Every structure is written in C-alpha cells, then in structure tokens.
C-alpha cells in the first residue's frame, strides 16, 4: 500500500512550485522530479532554453538562477522554489532591446546553412 511516508510515492505526487522567471512570478503544479527545462519549455512556453545532451554537459539549457549559471536539464524544479530564474528571453538591455552580447552574435556570427546566400 502506498502512503505519504513511502519514498516512491513522495517522488510522484504533484507539488506547487513558485518562483520568478524573467521578473514575473509563476506557479506550476508538477511532479518533484520534473526538470526546470521541462517546466520552462512545456509549461511556460519559453522555448529559448534548448534541450541538447540532457545530462548537463553541452550548456544549451543554461539559465541563471539567482544570478548563478545552472543547467536546467539537470535541475529538479523542486530545487528552485522561491528563486529568480532568468532565461535567454529575459536577457536584454535597460531599454528592453538586445544586449551587447546578443547584438554582437547577430552581426559577427558566420553565416549558417540557413542564412548563407545560395548560388
């Protein structure tokens, strides 16, 4: 019989987690093992944070949590209760435009297969 004292049961119950994302307060009801990446993409529709290796090695899922760089694919959402999360969508200059790093990547990055001229 499963009870609240059973560790397996504790890992699968739904919990409410509250935190801020890009300056906005959010509340989600998820399983404790759900990753921050899944919450950002699947529950909040913030798809700028990417899934890559899904084991924390590649950095595609990087976000700032209370100003510290963290890998959202290996961060259980239950660990971010009460924190401030900043995703790529929330990084901008003081006027709301692209920051210097974003602007530089658009103007200095080599053309990709998608943007390179054909001919």
PDB file of N, CA and C in Angstrom:
ATOM      1  N   UNK A   1       0.835  -1.176   0.000  1.00  0.00           N
ATOM      2  CA  UNK A   1       0.000   0.000   0.000  1.00  0.00           C
ATOM      3  C   UNK A   1       0.881   1.242   0.000  1.00  0.00           C
ATOM      4  N   UNK A   2       0.572   2.193  -0.868  1.00  0.00           N
ATOM      5  CA  UNK A   2       1.341   3.431  -0.934  1.00  0.00           C
ATOM      6  C   UNK A   2       0.796   4.443   0.049  1.00  0.00           C
ATOM      7  N   UNK A   3       1.694   5.056   0.778  1.00  0.00           N
ATOM      8  CA  UNK A   3       1.288   6.090   1.733  1.00  0.00           C
ATOM      9  C   UNK A   3       2.177   7.302   1.539  1.00  0.00           C
ATOM     10  N   UNK A   4       1.870   8.374   2.228  1.00  0.00           N
ATOM     11  CA  UNK A   4       2.682   9.583   2.155  1.00  0.00           C
ATOM     12  C   UNK A   4       4.093   9.376   2.676  1.00  0.00           C
ATOM     13  N   UNK A   5       4.326   8.313   3.478  1.00  0.00           N
ATOM     14  CA  UNK A   5       5.654   8.057   4.022  1.00  0.00           C
ATOM     15  C   UNK A   5       6.516   7.238   3.068  1.00  0.00           C
ATOM     16  N   UNK A   6       5.949   6.723   2.011  1.00  0.00           N
ATOM     17  CA  UNK A   6       6.678   5.898   1.054  1.00  0.00           C
ATOM     18  C   UNK A   6       7.514   6.799   0.136  1.00  0.00           C
ATOM     19  N   UNK A   7       8.859   6.618   0.081  1.00  0.00           N
ATOM     20  CA  UNK A   7       9.701   7.481  -0.759  1.00  0.00           C
ATOM     21  C   UNK A   7       9.298   7.461  -2.229  1.00  0.00           C
ATOM     22  N   UNK A   8       8.875   6.308  -2.735  1.00  0.00           N
ATOM     23  CA  UNK A   8       8.455   6.245  -4.138  1.00  0.00           C
ATOM     24  C   UNK A   8       7.266   7.158  -4.357  1.00  0.00           C
ATOM     25  N   UNK A   9       6.302   7.104  -3.446  1.00  0.00           N
ATOM     26  CA  UNK A   9       5.109   7.926  -3.550  1.00  0.00           C
ATOM     27  C   UNK A   9       5.466   9.411  -3.498  1.00  0.00           C
ATOM     28  N   UNK A  10       6.396   9.785  -2.635  1.00  0.00           N
ATOM     29  CA  UNK A  10       6.799  11.183  -2.497  1.00  0.00           C
ATOM     30  C   UNK A  10       7.355  11.731  -3.810  1.00  0.00           C
ATOM     31  N   UNK A  11       8.060  10.916  -4.580  1.00  0.00           N
ATOM     32  CA  UNK A  11       8.658  11.370  -5.826  1.00  0.00           C
ATOM     33  C   UNK A  11       7.643  11.592  -6.933  1.00  0.00           C
ATOM     34  N   UNK A  12       6.434  11.057  -6.804  1.00  0.00           N
ATOM     35  CA  UNK A  12       5.473  11.134  -7.896  1.00  0.00           C
ATOM     36  C   UNK A  12       4.249  11.992  -7.599  1.00  0.00           C
ATOM     37  N   UNK A  13       4.137  12.531  -6.426  1.00  0.00           N
ATOM     38  CA  UNK A  13       2.973  13.372  -6.155  1.00  0.00           C
ATOM     39  C   UNK A  13       3.154  14.737  -6.811  1.00  0.00           C
ATOM     40  N   UNK A  14       2.075  15.393  -7.051  1.00  0.00           N
ATOM     41  CA  UNK A  14       2.113  16.719  -7.665  1.00  0.00           C
ATOM     42  C   UNK A  14       2.366  17.755  -6.576  1.00  0.00           C
ATOM     43  N   UNK A  15       3.250  18.704  -6.863  1.00  0.00           N
ATOM     44  CA  UNK A  15       3.539  19.763  -5.911  1.00  0.00           C
ATOM     45  C   UNK A  15       3.465  21.109  -6.606  1.00  0.00           C
ATOM     46  N   UNK A  16       3.156  22.143  -5.856  1.00  0.00           N
ATOM     47  CA  UNK A  16       3.139  23.509  -6.384  1.00  0.00           C
ATOM     48  C   UNK A  16       4.517  24.116  -6.127  1.00  0.00           C
ATOM     49  N   UNK A  17       5.101  24.687  -7.172  1.00  0.00           N
ATOM     50  CA  UNK A  17       6.391  25.353  -7.053  1.00  0.00           C
ATOM     51  C   UNK A  17       6.201  26.790  -7.528  1.00  0.00           C
ATOM     52  N   UNK A  18       6.674  27.730  -6.724  1.00  0.00           N
ATOM     53  CA  UNK A  18       6.558  29.146  -7.049  1.00  0.00           C
ATOM     54  C   UNK A  18       7.945  29.760  -7.153  1.00  0.00           C
ATOM     55  N   UNK A  19       8.161  30.519  -8.199  1.00  0.00           N
ATOM     56  CA  UNK A  19       9.429  31.196  -8.434  1.00  0.00           C
ATOM     57  C   UNK A  19       9.176  32.306  -9.442  1.00  0.00           C
ATOM     58  N   UNK A  20      10.196  33.075  -9.790  1.00  0.00           N
ATOM     59  CA  UNK A  20      10.007  34.090 -10.825  1.00  0.00           C
ATOM     60  C   UNK A  20      10.838  33.716 -12.042  1.00  0.00           C
ATOM     61  N   UNK A  21      10.301  34.038 -13.204  1.00  0.00           N
ATOM     62  CA  UNK A  21      11.006  33.811 -14.462  1.00  0.00           C
ATOM     63  C   UNK A  21      11.017  35.140 -15.210  1.00  0.00           C
ATOM     64  N   UNK A  22      12.203  35.627 -15.477  1.00  0.00           N
ATOM     65  CA  UNK A  22      12.374  36.883 -16.208  1.00  0.00           C
ATOM     66  C   UNK A  22      11.562  38.012 -15.575  1.00  0.00           C
ATOM     67  N   UNK A  23      11.540  38.027 -14.230  1.00  0.00           N
ATOM     68  CA  UNK A  23      10.882  39.096 -13.493  1.00  0.00           C
ATOM     69  C   UNK A  23       9.397  38.907 -13.245  1.00  0.00           C
ATOM     70  N   UNK A  24       8.827  37.807 -13.706  1.00  0.00           N
ATOM     71  CA  UNK A  24       7.396  37.550 -13.498  1.00  0.00           C
ATOM     72  C   UNK A  24       7.215  36.361 -12.573  1.00  0.00           C
ATOM     73  N   UNK A  25       6.333  36.505 -11.586  1.00  0.00           N
ATOM     74  CA  UNK A  25       6.054  35.405 -10.663  1.00  0.00           C
ATOM     75  C   UNK A  25       5.257  34.321 -11.375  1.00  0.00           C
ATOM     76  N   UNK A  26       5.671  33.067 -11.176  1.00  0.00           N
ATOM     77  CA  UNK A  26       4.961  31.932 -11.764  1.00  0.00           C
ATOM     78  C   UNK A  26       4.726  30.878 -10.690  1.00  0.00           C
ATOM     79  N   UNK A  27       3.695  30.081 -10.919  1.00  0.00           N
ATOM     80  CA  UNK A  27       3.346  28.965 -10.036  1.00  0.00           C
ATOM     81  C   UNK A  27       3.010  27.798 -10.947  1.00  0.00           C
ATOM     82  N   UNK A  28       3.644  26.664 -10.713  1.00  0.00           N
ATOM     83  CA  UNK A  28       3.375  25.480 -11.527  1.00  0.00           C
ATOM     84  C   UNK A  28       3.079  24.295 -10.623  1.00  0.00           C
ATOM     85  N   UNK A  29       2.212  23.417 -11.081  1.00  0.00           N
ATOM     86  CA  UNK A  29       1.904  22.170 -10.388  1.00  0.00           C
ATOM     87  C   UNK A  29       2.542  21.043 -11.177  1.00  0.00           C
ATOM     88  N   UNK A  30       3.595  20.445 -10.612  1.00  0.00           N
ATOM     89  CA  UNK A  30       4.370  19.427 -11.323  1.00  0.00           C
ATOM     90  C   UNK A  30       4.829  18.340 -10.361  1.00  0.00           C
ATOM     91  N   UNK A  31       5.320  17.250 -10.935  1.00  0.00           N
ATOM     92  CA  UNK A  31       5.959  16.212 -10.141  1.00  0.00           C
ATOM     93  C   UNK A  31       7.321  16.733  -9.686  1.00  0.00           C
ATOM     94  N   UNK A  32       7.762  16.391  -8.481  1.00  0.00           N
ATOM     95  CA  UNK A  32       9.031  16.898  -7.953  1.00  0.00           C
ATOM     96  C   UNK A  32      10.254  16.600  -8.831  1.00  0.00           C
ATOM     97  N   UNK A  33      10.236  15.483  -9.574  1.00  0.00           N
ATOM     98  CA  UNK A  33      11.381  15.125 -10.418  1.00  0.00           C
ATOM     99  C   UNK A  33      11.408  15.871 -11.749  1.00  0.00           C
ATOM    100  N   UNK A  34      10.375  16.643 -12.055  1.00  0.00           N
ATOM    101  CA  UNK A  34      10.328  17.398 -13.301  1.00  0.00           C
ATOM    102  C   UNK A  34      11.499  18.369 -13.336  1.00  0.00           C
ATOM    103  N   UNK A  35      12.154  18.456 -14.480  1.00  0.00           N
ATOM    104  CA  UNK A  35      13.291  19.364 -14.583  1.00  0.00           C
ATOM    105  C   UNK A  35      12.827  20.790 -14.860  1.00  0.00           C
ATOM    106  N   UNK A  36      13.674  21.723 -14.508  1.00  0.00           N
ATOM    107  CA  UNK A  36      13.398  23.122 -14.807  1.00  0.00           C
ATOM    108  C   UNK A  36      13.250  23.314 -16.309  1.00  0.00           C
ATOM    109  N   UNK A  37      14.063  22.627 -17.100  1.00  0.00           N
ATOM    110  CA  UNK A  37      13.960  22.721 -18.562  1.00  0.00           C
ATOM    111  C   UNK A  37      12.556  22.363 -19.036  1.00  0.00           C
ATOM    112  N   UNK A  38      12.006  21.273 -18.524  1.00  0.00           N
ATOM    113  CA  UNK A  38      10.656  20.849 -18.920  1.00  0.00           C
ATOM    114  C   UNK A  38       9.621  21.891 -18.524  1.00  0.00           C
ATOM    115  N   UNK A  39       9.763  22.473 -17.344  1.00  0.00           N
ATOM    116  CA  UNK A  39       8.813  23.496 -16.906  1.00  0.00           C
ATOM    117  C   UNK A  39       8.902  24.722 -17.815  1.00  0.00           C
ATOM    118  N   UNK A  40      10.119  25.164 -18.095  1.00  0.00           N
ATOM    119  CA  UNK A  40      10.276  26.353 -18.939  1.00  0.00           C
ATOM    120  C   UNK A  40       9.673  26.142 -20.320  1.00  0.00           C
ATOM    121  N   UNK A  41       9.991  25.031 -20.945  1.00  0.00           N
ATOM    122  CA  UNK A  41       9.549  24.787 -22.314  1.00  0.00           C
ATOM    123  C   UNK A  41       8.098  24.311 -22.399  1.00  0.00           C
ATOM    124  N   UNK A  42       7.737  23.316 -21.593  1.00  0.00           N
ATOM    125  CA  UNK A  42       6.440  22.658 -21.739  1.00  0.00           C
ATOM    126  C   UNK A  42       5.302  23.338 -20.975  1.00  0.00           C
ATOM    127  N   UNK A  43       5.619  23.917 -19.831  1.00  0.00           N
ATOM    128  CA  UNK A  43       4.568  24.528 -19.014  1.00  0.00           C
ATOM    129  C   UNK A  43       4.469  26.031 -19.239  1.00  0.00           C
ATOM    130  N   UNK A  44       5.616  26.688 -19.485  1.00  0.00           N
ATOM    131  CA  UNK A  44       5.613  28.147 -19.600  1.00  0.00           C
ATOM    132  C   UNK A  44       5.797  28.642 -21.034  1.00  0.00           C
ATOM    133  N   UNK A  45       6.081  27.743 -21.969  1.00  0.00           N
ATOM    134  CA  UNK A  45       6.222  28.126 -23.377  1.00  0.00           C
ATOM    135  C   UNK A  45       7.459  28.942 -23.695  1.00  0.00           C
ATOM    136  N   UNK A  46       8.477  28.886 -22.829  1.00  0.00           N
ATOM    137  CA  UNK A  46       9.728  29.611 -23.062  1.00  0.00           C
ATOM    138  C   UNK A  46      10.706  28.670 -23.755  1.00  0.00           C
ATOM    139  N   UNK A  47      10.729  28.715 -25.066  1.00  0.00           N
ATOM    140  CA  UNK A  47      11.498  27.737 -25.841  1.00  0.00           C
ATOM    141  C   UNK A  47      12.892  28.215 -26.220  1.00  0.00           C
ATOM    142  N   UNK A  48      13.309  29.374 -25.723  1.00  0.00           N
ATOM    143  CA  UNK A  48      14.671  29.834 -25.982  1.00  0.00           C
ATOM    144  C   UNK A  48      15.710  28.975 -25.292  1.00  0.00           C
ATOM    145  N   UNK A  49      15.362  28.405 -24.161  1.00  0.00           N
ATOM    146  CA  UNK A  49      16.239  27.471 -23.459  1.00  0.00           C
ATOM    147  C   UNK A  49      16.099  26.125 -24.161  1.00  0.00           C
ATOM    148  N   UNK A  50      17.208  25.614 -24.645  1.00  0.00           N
ATOM    149  CA  UNK A  50      17.179  24.431 -25.514  1.00  0.00           C
ATOM    150  C   UNK A  50      17.546  23.150 -24.787  1.00  0.00           C
ATOM    151  N   UNK A  51      17.017  22.048 -25.286  1.00  0.00           N
ATOM    152  CA  UNK A  51      17.407  20.719 -24.828  1.00  0.00           C
ATOM    153  C   UNK A  51      18.505  20.227 -25.767  1.00  0.00           C
ATOM    154  N   UNK A  52      19.626  19.859 -25.198  1.00  0.00           N
ATOM    155  CA  UNK A  52      20.732  19.345 -26.013  1.00  0.00           C
ATOM    156  C   UNK A  52      21.049  17.932 -25.577  1.00  0.00           C
ATOM    157  N   UNK A  53      22.088  17.801 -24.768  1.00  0.00           N
ATOM    158  CA  UNK A  53      22.538  16.481 -24.320  1.00  0.00           C
ATOM    159  C   UNK A  53      21.643  15.903 -23.225  1.00  0.00           C
ATOM    160  N   UNK A  54      20.935  16.745 -22.516  1.00  0.00           N
ATOM    161  CA  UNK A  54      20.056  16.389 -21.403  1.00  0.00           C
ATOM    162  C   UNK A  54      20.767  15.697 -20.248  1.00  0.00           C
ATOM    163  N   UNK A  55      22.091  15.918 -20.143  1.00  0.00           N
ATOM    164  CA  UNK A  55      22.816  15.439 -18.963  1.00  0.00           C
ATOM    165  C   UNK A  55      23.746  16.509 -18.384  1.00  0.00           C
ATOM    166  N   UNK A  56      23.591  17.761 -18.828  1.00  0.00           N
ATOM    167  CA  UNK A  56      24.323  18.873 -18.245  1.00  0.00           C
ATOM    168  C   UNK A  56      25.672  19.166 -18.851  1.00  0.00           C
ATOM    169  N   UNK A  57      26.056  18.489 -19.924  1.00  0.00           N
ATOM    170  CA  UNK A  57      27.383  18.693 -20.490  1.00  0.00           C
ATOM    171  C   UNK A  57      27.469  19.805 -21.536  1.00  0.00           C
ATOM    172  N   UNK A  58      26.449  19.965 -22.374  1.00  0.00           N
ATOM    173  CA  UNK A  58      26.590  20.857 -23.531  1.00  0.00           C
ATOM    174  C   UNK A  58      26.300  22.319 -23.229  1.00  0.00           C
ATOM    175  N   UNK A  59      25.461  22.614 -22.249  1.00  0.00           N
ATOM    176  CA  UNK A  59      25.172  24.000 -21.894  1.00  0.00           C
ATOM    177  C   UNK A  59      24.029  24.647 -22.656  1.00  0.00           C
ATOM    178  N   UNK A  60      23.391  23.933 -23.568  1.00  0.00           N
ATOM    179  CA  UNK A  60      22.288  24.513 -24.338  1.00  0.00           C
ATOM    180  C   UNK A  60      21.126  24.914 -23.440  1.00  0.00           C
ATOM    181  N   UNK A  61      21.015  24.310 -22.297  1.00  0.00           N
ATOM    182  CA  UNK A  61      19.894  24.533 -21.384  1.00  0.00           C
ATOM    183  C   UNK A  61      20.234  25.534 -20.280  1.00  0.00           C
ATOM    184  N   UNK A  62      21.348  26.233 -20.394  1.00  0.00           N
ATOM    185  CA  UNK A  62      21.810  27.118 -19.323  1.00  0.00           C
ATOM    186  C   UNK A  62      20.855  28.272 -19.049  1.00  0.00           C
ATOM    187  N   UNK A  63      20.640  28.525 -17.772  1.00  0.00           N
ATOM    188  CA  UNK A  63      19.843  29.654 -17.300  1.00  0.00           C
ATOM    189  C   UNK A  63      20.563  30.245 -16.088  1.00  0.00           C
ATOM    190  N   UNK A  64      20.124  31.415 -15.668  1.00  0.00           N
ATOM    191  CA  UNK A  64      20.627  31.995 -14.427  1.00  0.00           C
ATOM    192  C   UNK A  64      19.588  31.748 -13.344  1.00  0.00           C
ATOM    193  N   UNK A  65      20.031  31.231 -12.204  1.00  0.00           N
ATOM    194  CA  UNK A  65      19.173  31.060 -11.044  1.00  0.00           C
ATOM    195  C   UNK A  65      19.790  31.883  -9.927  1.00  0.00           C
ATOM    196  N   UNK A  66      19.079  32.927  -9.545  1.00  0.00           N
ATOM    197  CA  UNK A  66      19.598  33.897  -8.571  1.00  0.00           C
ATOM    198  C   UNK A  66      20.982  34.389  -8.982  1.00  0.00           C
ATOM    199  N   UNK A  67      21.178  34.574 -10.285  1.00  0.00           N
ATOM    200  CA  UNK A  67      22.426  35.116 -10.808  1.00  0.00           C
ATOM    201  C   UNK A  67      23.515  34.097 -11.073  1.00  0.00           C
ATOM    202  N   UNK A  68      23.306  32.843 -10.694  1.00  0.00           N
ATOM    203  CA  UNK A  68      24.307  31.795 -10.909  1.00  0.00           C
ATOM    204  C   UNK A  68      23.926  30.954 -12.118  1.00  0.00           C
ATOM    205  N   UNK A  69      24.902  30.665 -12.976  1.00  0.00           N
ATOM    206  CA  UNK A  69      24.669  29.850 -14.163  1.00  0.00           C
ATOM    207  C   UNK A  69      24.402  28.406 -13.751  1.00  0.00           C
ATOM    208  N   UNK A  70      23.273  27.864 -14.228  1.00  0.00           N
ATOM    209  CA  UNK A  70      22.898  26.489 -13.903  1.00  0.00           C
ATOM    210  C   UNK A  70      22.382  25.801 -15.150  1.00  0.00           C
ATOM    211  N   UNK A  71      22.462  24.489 -15.176  1.00  0.00           N
ATOM    212  CA  UNK A  71      21.963  23.674 -16.283  1.00  0.00           C
ATOM    213  C   UNK A  71      20.546  23.233 -15.956  1.00  0.00           C
ATOM    214  N   UNK A  72      19.571  23.746 -16.684  1.00  0.00           N
ATOM    215  CA  UNK A  72      18.171  23.477 -16.359  1.00  0.00           C
ATOM    216  C   UNK A  72      17.755  22.039 -16.639  1.00  0.00           C
ATOM    217  N   UNK A  73      18.502  21.324 -17.487  1.00  0.00           N
ATOM    218  CA  UNK A  73      18.125  19.941 -17.812  1.00  0.00           C
ATOM    219  C   UNK A  73      18.414  18.977 -16.664  1.00  0.00           C
ATOM    220  N   UNK A  74      19.243  19.380 -15.713  1.00  0.00           N
ATOM    221  CA  UNK A  74      19.557  18.501 -14.579  1.00  0.00           C
ATOM    222  C   UNK A  74      19.147  19.131 -13.245  1.00  0.00           C
ATOM    223  N   UNK A  75      18.375  20.210 -13.313  1.00  0.00           N
ATOM    224  CA  UNK A  75      17.919  20.878 -12.098  1.00  0.00           C
ATOM    225  C   UNK A  75      16.466  20.525 -11.840  1.00  0.00           C
ATOM    226  N   UNK A  76      16.189  19.726 -10.800  1.00  0.00           N
ATOM    227  CA  UNK A  76      14.786  19.430 -10.480  1.00  0.00           C
ATOM    228  C   UNK A  76      14.075  20.724 -10.086  1.00  0.00           C
ATOM    229  N   UNK A  77      12.871  20.894 -10.575  1.00  0.00           N
ATOM    230  CA  UNK A  77      12.138  22.134 -10.328  1.00  0.00           C
ATOM    231  C   UNK A  77      11.885  22.350  -8.840  1.00  0.00           C
ATOM    232  N   UNK A  78      11.843  21.280  -8.063  1.00  0.00           N
ATOM    233  CA  UNK A  78      11.606  21.438  -6.619  1.00  0.00           C
ATOM    234  C   UNK A  78      12.753  22.193  -5.946  1.00  0.00           C
ATOM    235  N   UNK A  79      13.922  22.273  -6.590  1.00  0.00           N
ATOM    236  CA  UNK A  79      15.059  22.994  -6.018  1.00  0.00           C
ATOM    237  C   UNK A  79      15.016  24.492  -6.274  1.00  0.00           C
ATOM    238  N   UNK A  80      14.085  24.955  -7.076  1.00  0.00           N
ATOM    239  CA  UNK A  80      14.090  26.379  -7.411  1.00  0.00           C
ATOM    240  C   UNK A  80      12.978  27.175  -6.734  1.00  0.00           C
ATOM    241  N   UNK A  81      12.289  26.558  -5.802  1.00  0.00           N
ATOM    242  CA  UNK A  81      11.240  27.248  -5.045  1.00  0.00           C
ATOM    243  C   UNK A  81      11.773  28.576  -4.507  1.00  0.00           C
ATOM    244  N   UNK A  82      11.082  29.673  -4.821  1.00  0.00           N
ATOM    245  CA  UNK A  82      11.429  30.987  -4.293  1.00  0.00           C
ATOM    246  C   UNK A  82      12.600  31.681  -4.957  1.00  0.00           C
ATOM    247  N   UNK A  83      13.139  31.113  -6.022  1.00  0.00           N
ATOM    248  CA  UNK A  83      14.301  31.717  -6.675  1.00  0.00           C
ATOM    249  C   UNK A  83      13.876  32.610  -7.848  1.00  0.00           C
ATOM    250  N   UNK A  84      14.860  33.300  -8.403  1.00  0.00           N
ATOM    251  CA  UNK A  84      14.653  34.118  -9.601  1.00  0.00           C
ATOM    252  C   UNK A  84      15.405  33.471 -10.754  1.00  0.00           C
ATOM    253  N   UNK A  85      14.675  33.038 -11.774  1.00  0.00           N
ATOM    254  CA  UNK A  85      15.254  32.381 -12.942  1.00  0.00           C
ATOM    255  C   UNK A  85      15.267  33.376 -14.096  1.00  0.00           C
ATOM    256  N   UNK A  86      16.398  33.454 -14.787  1.00  0.00           N
ATOM    257  CA  UNK A  86      16.495  34.288 -15.980  1.00  0.00           C
ATOM    258  C   UNK A  86      16.874  33.404 -17.155  1.00  0.00           C
ATOM    259  N   UNK A  87      16.031  33.419 -18.185  1.00  0.00           N
ATOM    260  CA  UNK A  87      16.289  32.653 -19.403  1.00  0.00           C
ATOM    261  C   UNK A  87      16.815  33.595 -20.469  1.00  0.00           C
ATOM    262  N   UNK A  88      17.148  33.063 -21.625  1.00  0.00           N
ATOM    263  CA  UNK A  88      17.629  33.889 -22.725  1.00  0.00           C
ATOM    264  C   UNK A  88      16.589  34.941 -23.118  1.00  0.00           C
ATOM    265  N   UNK A  89      15.305  34.600 -22.959  1.00  0.00           N
ATOM    266  CA  UNK A  89      14.251  35.574 -23.272  1.00  0.00           C
ATOM    267  C   UNK A  89      14.284  36.781 -22.335  1.00  0.00           C
ATOM    268  N   UNK A  90      14.859  36.613 -21.149  1.00  0.00           N
ATOM    269  CA  UNK A  90      14.887  37.684 -20.160  1.00  0.00           C
ATOM    270  C   UNK A  90      16.160  38.496 -20.145  1.00  0.00           C
ATOM    271  N   UNK A  91      17.105  38.161 -21.021  1.00  0.00           N
ATOM    272  CA  UNK A  91      18.365  38.911 -21.066  1.00  0.00           C
ATOM    273  C   UNK A  91      18.234  40.000 -22.121  1.00  0.00           C
ATOM    274  N   UNK A  92      18.252  41.242 -21.671  1.00  0.00           N
ATOM    275  CA  UNK A  92      18.110  42.367 -22.589  1.00  0.00           C
ATOM    276  C   UNK A  92      18.757  43.600 -21.981  1.00  0.00           C
ATOM    277  N   UNK A  93      18.878  44.652 -22.782  1.00  0.00           N
ATOM    278  CA  UNK A  93      19.462  45.878 -22.256  1.00  0.00           C
ATOM    279  C   UNK A  93      18.419  46.636 -21.442  1.00  0.00           C
ATOM    280  N   UNK A  94      18.828  47.780 -20.878  1.00  0.00           N
ATOM    281  CA  UNK A  94      17.927  48.527 -19.995  1.00  0.00           C
ATOM    282  C   UNK A  94      16.688  49.074 -20.703  1.00  0.00           C
ATOM    283  N   UNK A  95      16.696  49.125 -22.040  1.00  0.00           N
ATOM    284  CA  UNK A  95      15.544  49.601 -22.799  1.00  0.00           C
ATOM    285  C   UNK A  95      14.677  48.461 -23.341  1.00  0.00           C
ATOM    286  N   UNK A  96      15.019  47.231 -22.996  1.00  0.00           N
ATOM    287  CA  UNK A  96      14.232  46.094 -23.452  1.00  0.00           C
ATOM    288  C   UNK A  96      14.698  45.515 -24.773  1.00  0.00           C
ATOM    289  N   UNK A  97      15.746  46.081 -25.364  1.00  0.00           N
ATOM    290  CA  UNK A  97      16.281  45.570 -26.622  1.00  0.00           C
ATOM    291  C   UNK A  97      17.345  44.523 -26.387  1.00  0.00           C
ATOM    292  N   UNK A  98      17.949  44.022 -27.468  1.00  0.00           N
ATOM    293  CA  UNK A  98      19.003  43.009 -27.313  1.00  0.00           C
ATOM    294  C   UNK A  98      20.207  43.588 -26.563  1.00  0.00           C
ATOM    295  N   UNK A  99      20.826  42.764 -25.725  1.00  0.00           N
ATOM    296  CA  UNK A  99      22.012  43.245 -25.021  1.00  0.00           C
ATOM    297  C   UNK A  99      23.216  43.195 -25.959  1.00  0.00           C
ATOM    298  N   UNK A 100      24.356  43.702 -25.501  1.00  0.00           N
ATOM    299  CA  UNK A 100      25.550  43.787 -26.348  1.00  0.00           C
ATOM    300  C   UNK A 100      25.978  42.421 -26.881  1.00  0.00           C
ATOM    301  N   UNK A 101      25.917  41.381 -26.039  1.00  0.00           N
ATOM    302  CA  UNK A 101      26.319  40.051 -26.470  1.00  0.00           C
ATOM    303  C   UNK A 101      25.394  39.525 -27.563  1.00  0.00           C
ATOM    304  N   UNK A 102      24.096  39.725 -27.398  1.00  0.00           N
ATOM    305  CA  UNK A 102      23.146  39.265 -28.413  1.00  0.00           C
ATOM    306  C   UNK A 102      23.364  40.018 -29.726  1.00  0.00           C
ATOM    307  N   UNK A 103      23.527  41.317 -29.641  1.00  0.00           N
ATOM    308  CA  UNK A 103      23.727  42.127 -30.845  1.00  0.00           C
ATOM    309  C   UNK A 103      25.003  41.716 -31.571  1.00  0.00           C
ATOM    310  N   UNK A 104      26.069  41.464 -30.817  1.00  0.00           N
ATOM    311  CA  UNK A 104      27.337  41.059 -31.432  1.00  0.00           C
ATOM    312  C   UNK A 104      27.206  39.720 -32.131  1.00  0.00           C
ATOM    313  N   UNK A 105      26.453  38.802 -31.553  1.00  0.00           N
ATOM    314  CA  UNK A 105      26.320  37.488 -32.189  1.00  0.00           C
ATOM    315  C   UNK A 105      25.554  37.589 -33.499  1.00  0.00           C
ATOM    316  N   UNK A 106      24.640  38.541 -33.602  1.00  0.00           N
ATOM    317  CA  UNK A 106      23.879  38.707 -34.836  1.00  0.00           C
ATOM    318  C   UNK A 106      24.706  39.373 -35.920  1.00  0.00           C
ATOM    319  N   UNK A 107      25.663  40.211 -35.539  1.00  0.00           N
ATOM    320  CA  UNK A 107      26.417  40.961 -36.543  1.00  0.00           C
ATOM    321  C   UNK A 107      27.759  40.344 -36.878  1.00  0.00           C
ATOM    322  N   UNK A 108      28.278  39.456 -36.016  1.00  0.00           N
ATOM    323  CA  UNK A 108      29.604  38.895 -36.270  1.00  0.00           C
ATOM    324  C   UNK A 108      29.621  37.394 -36.493  1.00  0.00           C
ATOM    325  N   UNK A 109      28.517  36.740 -36.256  1.00  0.00           N
ATOM    326  CA  UNK A 109      28.485  35.280 -36.424  1.00  0.00           C
ATOM    327  C   UNK A 109      28.602  34.920 -37.894  1.00  0.00           C
ATOM    328  N   UNK A 110      29.336  33.848 -38.213  1.00  0.00           N
ATOM    329  CA  UNK A 110      29.423  33.428 -39.612  1.00  0.00           C
ATOM    330  C   UNK A 110      28.057  32.966 -40.115  1.00  0.00           C
ATOM    331  N   UNK A 111      27.802  33.079 -41.405  1.00  0.00           N
ATOM    332  CA  UNK A 111      26.516  32.641 -41.920  1.00  0.00           C
ATOM    333  C   UNK A 111      26.317  31.150 -41.700  1.00  0.00           C
ATOM    334  N   UNK A 112      25.087  30.780 -41.449  1.00  0.00           N
ATOM    335  CA  UNK A 112      24.771  29.374 -41.266  1.00  0.00           C
ATOM    336  C   UNK A 112      24.203  28.827 -42.565  1.00  0.00           C
ATOM    337  N   UNK A 113      23.932  27.554 -42.560  1.00  0.00           N
ATOM    338  CA  UNK A 113      23.350  26.928 -43.746  1.00  0.00           C
ATOM    339  C   UNK A 113      21.989  27.529 -44.049  1.00  0.00           C
ATOM    340  N   UNK A 114      21.332  28.050 -43.033  1.00  0.00           N
ATOM    341  CA  UNK A 114      20.006  28.641 -43.241  1.00  0.00           C
ATOM    342  C   UNK A 114      20.113  30.053 -43.803  1.00  0.00           C
ATOM    343  N   UNK A 115      21.119  30.835 -43.348  1.00  0.00           N
ATOM    344  CA  UNK A 115      21.191  32.246 -43.748  1.00  0.00           C
ATOM    345  C   UNK A 115      22.201  32.515 -44.858  1.00  0.00           C
ATOM    346  N   UNK A 116      23.051  31.552 -45.162  1.00  0.00           N
ATOM    347  CA  UNK A 116      24.079  31.774 -46.183  1.00  0.00           C
ATOM    348  C   UNK A 116      23.428  31.966 -47.564  1.00  0.00           C
ATOM    349  N   UNK A 117      23.971  32.923 -48.359  1.00  0.00           N
ATOM    350  CA  UNK A 117      23.426  33.106 -49.703  1.00  0.00           C
ATOM    351  C   UNK A 117      23.629  31.852 -50.547  1.00  0.00           C
ATOM    352  N   UNK A 118      22.663  31.575 -51.392  1.00  0.00           N
ATOM    353  CA  UNK A 118      22.758  30.409 -52.268  1.00  0.00           C
ATOM    354  C   UNK A 118      23.085  30.875 -53.675  1.00  0.00           C
ATOM    355  N   UNK A 119      23.780  30.032 -54.389  1.00  0.00           N
ATOM    356  CA  UNK A 119      24.010  30.417 -55.767  1.00  0.00           C
ATOM    357  C   UNK A 119      25.176  29.825 -56.412  1.00  0.00           C
TER     358      UNK A 119
END
